[in-house]
All heavy atoms as atom14 arrays in JSON, in Angstrom:
{
  "sequence": "SVTPEDAGCQELMVERLEALGFQIFPRPHVDVKNF",
  "atom14_mask": [
    [1, 1, 1, 1, 1, 1, 0, 0, 0, 0, 0, 0, 0, 0],
    [1, 1, 1, 1, 1, 1, 1, 0, 0, 0, 0, 0, 0, 0],
    [1, 1, 1, 1, 1, 1, 1, 0, 0, 0, 0, 0, 0, 0],
    [1, 1, 1, 1, 1, 1, 1, 0, 0, 0, 0, 0, 0, 0],
    [1, 1, 1, 1, 1, 1, 1, 1, 1, 0, 0, 0, 0, 0],
    [1, 1, 1, 1, 1, 1, 1, 1, 0, 0, 0, 0, 0, 0],
    [1, 1, 1, 1, 1, 0, 0, 0, 0, 0, 0, 0, 0, 0],
    [1, 1, 1, 1, 0, 0, 0, 0, 0, 0, 0, 0, 0, 0],
    [1, 1, 1, 1, 1, 1, 0, 0, 0, 0, 0, 0, 0, 0],
    [1, 1, 1, 1, 1, 1, 1, 1, 1, 0, 0, 0, 0, 0],
    [1, 1, 1, 1, 1, 1, 1, 1, 1, 0, 0, 0, 0, 0],
    [1, 1, 1, 1, 1, 1, 1, 1, 0, 0, 0, 0, 0, 0],
    [1, 1, 1, 1, 1, 1, 1, 1, 0, 0, 0, 0, 0, 0],
    [1, 1, 1, 1, 1, 1, 1, 0, 0, 0, 0, 0, 0, 0],
    [1, 1, 1, 1, 1, 1, 1, 1, 1, 0, 0, 0, 0, 0],
    [1, 1, 1, 1, 1, 1, 1, 1, 1, 1, 1, 0, 0, 0],
    [1, 1, 1, 1, 1, 1, 1, 1, 0, 0, 0, 0, 0, 0],
    [1, 1, 1, 1, 1, 1, 1, 1, 1, 0, 0, 0, 0, 0],
    [1, 1, 1, 1, 1, 0, 0, 0, 0, 0, 0, 0, 0, 0],
    [1, 1, 1, 1, 1, 1, 1, 1, 0, 0, 0, 0, 0, 0],
    [1, 1, 1, 1, 0, 0, 0, 0, 0, 0, 0, 0, 0, 0],
    [1, 1, 1, 1, 1, 1, 1, 1, 1, 1, 1, 0, 0, 0],
    [1, 1, 1, 1, 1, 1, 1, 1, 1, 0, 0, 0, 0, 0],
    [1, 1, 1, 1, 1, 1, 1, 1, 0, 0, 0, 0, 0, 0],
    [1, 1, 1, 1, 1, 1, 1, 1, 1, 1, 1, 0, 0, 0],
    [1, 1, 1, 1, 1, 1, 1, 0, 0, 0, 0, 0, 0, 0],
    [1, 1, 1, 1, 1, 1, 1, 1, 1, 1, 1, 0, 0, 0],
    [1, 1, 1, 1, 1, 1, 1, 0, 0, 0, 0, 0, 0, 0],
    [1, 1, 1, 1, 1, 1, 1, 1, 1, 1, 0, 0, 0, 0],
    [1, 1, 1, 1, 1, 1, 1, 0, 0, 0, 0, 0, 0, 0],
    [1, 1, 1, 1, 1, 1, 1, 1, 0, 0, 0, 0, 0, 0],
    [1, 1, 1, 1, 1, 1, 1, 0, 0, 0, 0, 0, 0, 0],
    [1, 1, 1, 1, 1, 1, 1, 1, 1, 0, 0, 0, 0, 0],
    [1, 1, 1, 1, 1, 1, 1, 1, 0, 0, 0, 0, 0, 0],
    [1, 1, 1, 1, 1, 1, 1, 1, 1, 1, 1, 0, 0, 0]
  ],
  "atom14_positions": [
    [[94.78, 55.54, 134.49], [94.77, 55.21, 133.06], [93.69, 55.99, 132.31], [92.82, 55.41, 131.66], [94.58, 53.71, 132.86], [93.39, 53.26, 133.49], [0.0, 0.0, 0.0], [0.0, 0.0, 0.0], [0.0, 0.0, 0.0], [0.0, 0.0, 0.0], [0.0, 0.0, 0.0], [0.0, 0.0, 0.0], [0.0, 0.0, 0.0], [0.0, 0.0, 0.0]],
    [[93.75, 57.32, 132.41], [92.8, 58.15, 131.69], [93.11, 58.07, 130.19], [94.25, 58.25, 129.77], [92.86, 59.61, 132.18], [91.92, 60.49, 131.35], [92.49, 59.68, 133.65], [0.0, 0.0, 0.0], [0.0, 0.0, 0.0], [0.0, 0.0, 0.0], [0.0, 0.0, 0.0], [0.0, 0.0, 0.0], [0.0, 0.0, 0.0], [0.0, 0.0, 0.0]],
    [[92.11, 57.77, 129.4], [92.28, 57.49, 127.98], [93.14, 58.53, 127.27], [92.98, 59.73, 127.52], [90.91, 57.36, 127.29], [91.07, 56.87, 125.96], [90.15, 58.68, 127.25], [0.0, 0.0, 0.0], [0.0, 0.0, 0.0], [0.0, 0.0, 0.0], [0.0, 0.0, 0.0], [0.0, 0.0, 0.0], [0.0, 0.0, 0.0], [0.0, 0.0, 0.0]],
    [[94.11, 58.11, 126.46], [94.44, 56.74, 126.05], [95.56, 56.1, 126.88], [96.18, 55.15, 126.42], [94.91, 56.95, 124.61], [95.64, 58.26, 124.66], [94.86, 59.11, 125.65], [0.0, 0.0, 0.0], [0.0, 0.0, 0.0], [0.0, 0.0, 0.0], [0.0, 0.0, 0.0], [0.0, 0.0, 0.0], [0.0, 0.0, 0.0], [0.0, 0.0, 0.0]],
    [[95.81, 56.62, 128.06], [96.88, 56.07, 128.91], [96.48, 54.7, 129.45], [95.31, 54.47, 129.78], [97.18, 57.01, 130.07], [97.79, 58.34, 129.64], [99.13, 58.16, 128.98], [99.9, 57.28, 129.43], [99.43, 58.88, 128.01], [0.0, 0.0, 0.0], [0.0, 0.0, 0.0], [0.0, 0.0, 0.0], [0.0, 0.0, 0.0], [0.0, 0.0, 0.0]],
    [[97.46, 53.83, 129.57], [97.25, 52.51, 130.17], [97.8, 52.46, 131.6], [97.25, 51.76, 132.46], [97.92, 51.43, 129.32], [97.91, 50.09, 130.01], [96.83, 49.47, 130.08], [98.98, 49.66, 130.49], [0.0, 0.0, 0.0], [0.0, 0.0, 0.0], [0.0, 0.0, 0.0], [0.0, 0.0, 0.0], [0.0, 0.0, 0.0], [0.0, 0.0, 0.0]],
    [[98.87, 53.21, 131.85], [99.43, 53.39, 133.19], [99.82, 52.08, 133.88], [99.73, 51.97, 135.1], [98.45, 54.18, 134.07], [0.0, 0.0, 0.0], [0.0, 0.0, 0.0], [0.0, 0.0, 0.0], [0.0, 0.0, 0.0], [0.0, 0.0, 0.0], [0.0, 0.0, 0.0], [0.0, 0.0, 0.0], [0.0, 0.0, 0.0], [0.0, 0.0, 0.0]],
    [[100.19, 51.08, 133.09], [100.67, 49.83, 133.68], [99.6, 48.78, 133.92], [99.92, 47.69, 134.42], [0.0, 0.0, 0.0], [0.0, 0.0, 0.0], [0.0, 0.0, 0.0], [0.0, 0.0, 0.0], [0.0, 0.0, 0.0], [0.0, 0.0, 0.0], [0.0, 0.0, 0.0], [0.0, 0.0, 0.0], [0.0, 0.0, 0.0], [0.0, 0.0, 0.0]],
    [[98.37, 49.06, 133.55], [97.3, 48.07, 133.75], [97.56, 46.8, 132.95], [97.4, 45.68, 133.45], [95.94, 48.66, 133.36], [95.35, 49.98, 134.44], [0.0, 0.0, 0.0], [0.0, 0.0, 0.0], [0.0, 0.0, 0.0], [0.0, 0.0, 0.0], [0.0, 0.0, 0.0], [0.0, 0.0, 0.0], [0.0, 0.0, 0.0], [0.0, 0.0, 0.0]],
    [[97.96, 46.98, 131.69], [98.16, 45.81, 130.84], [99.36, 44.99, 131.29], [99.35, 43.75, 131.2], [98.3, 46.25, 129.38], [96.99, 46.8, 128.82], [97.06, 47.17, 127.35], [97.84, 46.61, 126.59], [96.24, 48.13, 126.93], [0.0, 0.0, 0.0], [0.0, 0.0, 0.0], [0.0, 0.0, 0.0], [0.0, 0.0, 0.0], [0.0, 0.0, 0.0]],
    [[100.4, 45.65, 131.8], [101.54, 44.91, 132.33], [101.11, 44.01, 133.48], [101.56, 42.86, 133.59], [102.62, 45.89, 132.81], [103.3, 46.66, 131.7], [104.32, 47.65, 132.24], [104.63, 47.59, 133.46], [104.79, 48.5, 131.46], [0.0, 0.0, 0.0], [0.0, 0.0, 0.0], [0.0, 0.0, 0.0], [0.0, 0.0, 0.0], [0.0, 0.0, 0.0]],
    [[100.23, 44.52, 134.31], [99.73, 43.73, 135.44], [98.94, 42.52, 134.94], [99.12, 41.4, 135.43], [98.85, 44.61, 136.32], [98.28, 44.0, 137.59], [99.39, 43.52, 138.52], [97.41, 45.03, 138.32], [0.0, 0.0, 0.0], [0.0, 0.0, 0.0], [0.0, 0.0, 0.0], [0.0, 0.0, 0.0], [0.0, 0.0, 0.0], [0.0, 0.0, 0.0]],
    [[98.09, 42.73, 133.94], [97.31, 41.62, 133.39], [98.2, 40.61, 132.68], [98.04, 39.39, 132.84], [96.25, 42.16, 132.42], [95.18, 43.02, 133.06], [93.93, 43.59, 131.86], [93.13, 42.03, 131.44], [0.0, 0.0, 0.0], [0.0, 0.0, 0.0], [0.0, 0.0, 0.0], [0.0, 0.0, 0.0], [0.0, 0.0, 0.0], [0.0, 0.0, 0.0]],
    [[99.15, 41.11, 131.9], [100.04, 40.23, 131.15], [100.85, 39.35, 132.1], [101.05, 38.15, 131.83], [100.97, 41.06, 130.24], [102.17, 40.24, 129.77], [100.19, 41.59, 129.03], [0.0, 0.0, 0.0], [0.0, 0.0, 0.0], [0.0, 0.0, 0.0], [0.0, 0.0, 0.0], [0.0, 0.0, 0.0], [0.0, 0.0, 0.0], [0.0, 0.0, 0.0]],
    [[101.31, 39.91, 133.19], [102.07, 39.12, 134.17], [101.26, 37.94, 134.67], [101.77, 36.81, 134.78], [102.47, 40.02, 135.34], [103.29, 39.32, 136.42], [103.66, 40.24, 137.56], [103.48, 41.47, 137.42], [104.11, 39.73, 138.6], [0.0, 0.0, 0.0], [0.0, 0.0, 0.0], [0.0, 0.0, 0.0], [0.0, 0.0, 0.0], [0.0, 0.0, 0.0]],
    [[99.98, 38.17, 134.94], [99.1, 37.09, 135.41], [98.85, 36.07, 134.31], [98.8, 34.86, 134.57], [97.77, 37.68, 135.91], [97.89, 38.7, 137.04], [98.06, 38.04, 138.39], [96.82, 37.5, 138.91], [96.08, 38.09, 139.84], [96.44, 39.26, 140.34], [94.98, 37.5, 140.29], [0.0, 0.0, 0.0], [0.0, 0.0, 0.0], [0.0, 0.0, 0.0]],
    [[98.67, 36.54, 133.09], [98.36, 35.64, 131.98], [99.57, 34.81, 131.56], [99.44, 33.63, 131.23], [97.8, 36.43, 130.8], [96.45, 37.13, 131.04], [96.05, 37.95, 129.82], [95.36, 36.12, 131.38], [0.0, 0.0, 0.0], [0.0, 0.0, 0.0], [0.0, 0.0, 0.0], [0.0, 0.0, 0.0], [0.0, 0.0, 0.0], [0.0, 0.0, 0.0]],
    [[100.74, 35.42, 131.56], [101.95, 34.66, 131.23], [102.16, 33.52, 132.21], [102.6, 32.43, 131.82], [103.17, 35.59, 131.23], [103.28, 36.46, 129.99], [104.52, 37.32, 129.99], [104.95, 37.75, 131.09], [105.06, 37.57, 128.9], [0.0, 0.0, 0.0], [0.0, 0.0, 0.0], [0.0, 0.0, 0.0], [0.0, 0.0, 0.0], [0.0, 0.0, 0.0]],
    [[101.83, 33.76, 133.47], [101.98, 32.7, 134.48], [101.06, 31.52, 134.21], [101.3, 30.4, 134.68], [101.7, 33.27, 135.88], [0.0, 0.0, 0.0], [0.0, 0.0, 0.0], [0.0, 0.0, 0.0], [0.0, 0.0, 0.0], [0.0, 0.0, 0.0], [0.0, 0.0, 0.0], [0.0, 0.0, 0.0], [0.0, 0.0, 0.0], [0.0, 0.0, 0.0]],
    [[100.01, 31.76, 133.4], [99.06, 30.7, 133.05], [99.4, 30.03, 131.73], [98.68, 29.13, 131.29], [97.64, 31.28, 132.98], [97.08, 31.86, 134.27], [95.76, 32.58, 133.99], [96.88, 30.78, 135.32], [0.0, 0.0, 0.0], [0.0, 0.0, 0.0], [0.0, 0.0, 0.0], [0.0, 0.0, 0.0], [0.0, 0.0, 0.0], [0.0, 0.0, 0.0]],
    [[100.47, 30.47, 131.08], [100.88, 29.86, 129.83], [100.35, 30.54, 128.58], [100.41, 29.97, 127.49], [0.0, 0.0, 0.0], [0.0, 0.0, 0.0], [0.0, 0.0, 0.0], [0.0, 0.0, 0.0], [0.0, 0.0, 0.0], [0.0, 0.0, 0.0], [0.0, 0.0, 0.0], [0.0, 0.0, 0.0], [0.0, 0.0, 0.0], [0.0, 0.0, 0.0]],
    [[99.84, 31.75, 128.71], [99.36, 32.48, 127.53], [100.53, 33.0, 126.71], [101.55, 33.45, 127.25], [98.5, 33.67, 127.95], [97.07, 33.33, 128.27], [96.72, 32.76, 129.48], [96.06, 33.58, 127.34], [95.41, 32.45, 129.78], [94.74, 33.27, 127.62], [94.42, 32.7, 128.84], [0.0, 0.0, 0.0], [0.0, 0.0, 0.0], [0.0, 0.0, 0.0]],
    [[100.38, 32.94, 125.39], [101.27, 33.64, 124.49], [100.8, 35.09, 124.39], [99.61, 35.34, 124.15], [101.26, 33.02, 123.1], [101.86, 31.63, 123.01], [101.74, 31.1, 121.58], [100.71, 30.52, 121.23], [102.76, 31.32, 120.78], [0.0, 0.0, 0.0], [0.0, 0.0, 0.0], [0.0, 0.0, 0.0], [0.0, 0.0, 0.0], [0.0, 0.0, 0.0]],
    [[101.71, 36.03, 124.55], [101.36, 37.44, 124.57], [101.86, 38.11, 123.3], [103.02, 37.96, 122.93], [101.96, 38.16, 125.8], [101.63, 37.39, 127.09], [101.47, 39.6, 125.86], [100.16, 37.28, 127.42], [0.0, 0.0, 0.0], [0.0, 0.0, 0.0], [0.0, 0.0, 0.0], [0.0, 0.0, 0.0], [0.0, 0.0, 0.0], [0.0, 0.0, 0.0]],
    [[100.98, 38.85, 122.65], [101.33, 39.57, 121.43], [100.99, 41.05, 121.62], [99.86, 41.47, 121.41], [100.55, 39.0, 120.24], [100.85, 37.56, 119.97], [100.12, 36.56, 120.62], [101.87, 37.18, 119.11], [100.4, 35.22, 120.39], [102.15, 35.84, 118.88], [101.42, 34.86, 119.53], [0.0, 0.0, 0.0], [0.0, 0.0, 0.0], [0.0, 0.0, 0.0]],
    [[101.97, 41.85, 122.06], [101.73, 43.29, 122.18], [101.42, 43.89, 120.81], [102.11, 43.59, 119.83], [103.05, 43.83, 122.74], [103.75, 42.64, 123.32], [103.33, 41.48, 122.46], [0.0, 0.0, 0.0], [0.0, 0.0, 0.0], [0.0, 0.0, 0.0], [0.0, 0.0, 0.0], [0.0, 0.0, 0.0], [0.0, 0.0, 0.0], [0.0, 0.0, 0.0]],
    [[100.41, 44.73, 120.72], [100.03, 45.35, 119.46], [99.84, 46.86, 119.64], [98.77, 47.41, 119.38], [98.74, 44.72, 118.89], [98.81, 43.23, 118.63], [99.91, 42.84, 117.69], [99.85, 43.58, 116.44], [100.83, 43.63, 115.55], [101.99, 43.03, 115.8], [100.69, 44.32, 114.44], [0.0, 0.0, 0.0], [0.0, 0.0, 0.0], [0.0, 0.0, 0.0]],
    [[100.87, 47.57, 120.1], [100.73, 49.02, 120.29], [100.51, 49.72, 118.95], [101.01, 49.27, 117.91], [102.06, 49.43, 120.92], [103.03, 48.39, 120.45], [102.24, 47.11, 120.39], [0.0, 0.0, 0.0], [0.0, 0.0, 0.0], [0.0, 0.0, 0.0], [0.0, 0.0, 0.0], [0.0, 0.0, 0.0], [0.0, 0.0, 0.0], [0.0, 0.0, 0.0]],
    [[99.8, 50.83, 118.98], [99.6, 51.62, 117.77], [99.53, 53.09, 118.16], [98.69, 53.5, 118.95], [98.32, 51.2, 117.05], [98.23, 51.71, 115.65], [98.87, 51.11, 114.58], [97.61, 52.8, 115.13], [98.62, 51.77, 113.47], [97.86, 52.82, 113.78], [0.0, 0.0, 0.0], [0.0, 0.0, 0.0], [0.0, 0.0, 0.0], [0.0, 0.0, 0.0]],
    [[100.46, 53.87, 117.6], [100.6, 55.3, 117.91], [100.77, 55.44, 119.43], [101.73, 54.92, 119.98], [99.42, 56.13, 117.36], [99.71, 57.62, 117.47], [99.16, 55.77, 115.89], [0.0, 0.0, 0.0], [0.0, 0.0, 0.0], [0.0, 0.0, 0.0], [0.0, 0.0, 0.0], [0.0, 0.0, 0.0], [0.0, 0.0, 0.0], [0.0, 0.0, 0.0]],
    [[99.85, 56.09, 120.11], [99.99, 56.32, 121.55], [99.15, 55.35, 122.38], [98.92, 55.58, 123.58], [99.59, 57.76, 121.91], [98.16, 58.09, 121.51], [97.56, 57.32, 120.73], [97.64, 59.13, 121.97], [0.0, 0.0, 0.0], [0.0, 0.0, 0.0], [0.0, 0.0, 0.0], [0.0, 0.0, 0.0], [0.0, 0.0, 0.0], [0.0, 0.0, 0.0]],
    [[98.7, 54.27, 121.76], [97.78, 53.34, 122.43], [98.46, 52.0, 122.66], [99.13, 51.47, 121.77], [96.5, 53.15, 121.58], [95.62, 52.04, 122.14], [95.72, 54.46, 121.5], [0.0, 0.0, 0.0], [0.0, 0.0, 0.0], [0.0, 0.0, 0.0], [0.0, 0.0, 0.0], [0.0, 0.0, 0.0], [0.0, 0.0, 0.0], [0.0, 0.0, 0.0]],
    [[98.24, 51.44, 123.85], [98.72, 50.1, 124.15], [97.59, 49.1, 123.93], [96.46, 49.31, 124.39], [99.23, 50.01, 125.58], [100.57, 50.68, 125.81], [101.12, 50.36, 127.18], [102.53, 50.91, 127.36], [103.1, 50.56, 128.68], [0.0, 0.0, 0.0], [0.0, 0.0, 0.0], [0.0, 0.0, 0.0], [0.0, 0.0, 0.0], [0.0, 0.0, 0.0]],
    [[97.9, 48.02, 123.24], [96.96, 46.93, 123.01], [97.72, 45.62, 123.16], [98.94, 45.57, 122.95], [96.4, 46.96, 121.59], [95.85, 48.3, 121.17], [94.9, 48.8, 121.76], [96.44, 48.89, 120.14], [0.0, 0.0, 0.0], [0.0, 0.0, 0.0], [0.0, 0.0, 0.0], [0.0, 0.0, 0.0], [0.0, 0.0, 0.0], [0.0, 0.0, 0.0]],
    [[97.0, 44.56, 123.5], [97.62, 43.25, 123.41], [96.58, 42.18, 123.09], [95.4, 42.33, 123.41], [98.43, 42.87, 124.66], [97.63, 42.45, 125.87], [97.16, 41.15, 126.01], [97.38, 43.35, 126.91], [96.44, 40.74, 127.13], [96.68, 42.96, 128.04], [96.21, 41.66, 128.15], [0.0, 0.0, 0.0], [0.0, 0.0, 0.0], [0.0, 0.0, 0.0]]
  ]
}
């Protein structure tokens, strides 16, 4: 995940957080992934 690449890191985190009942709001902007 060399900047600004995420390379699937956020997907991994989101999977864990969704299992805990978190509401997920993806907020991508241009070439950047945010949530």
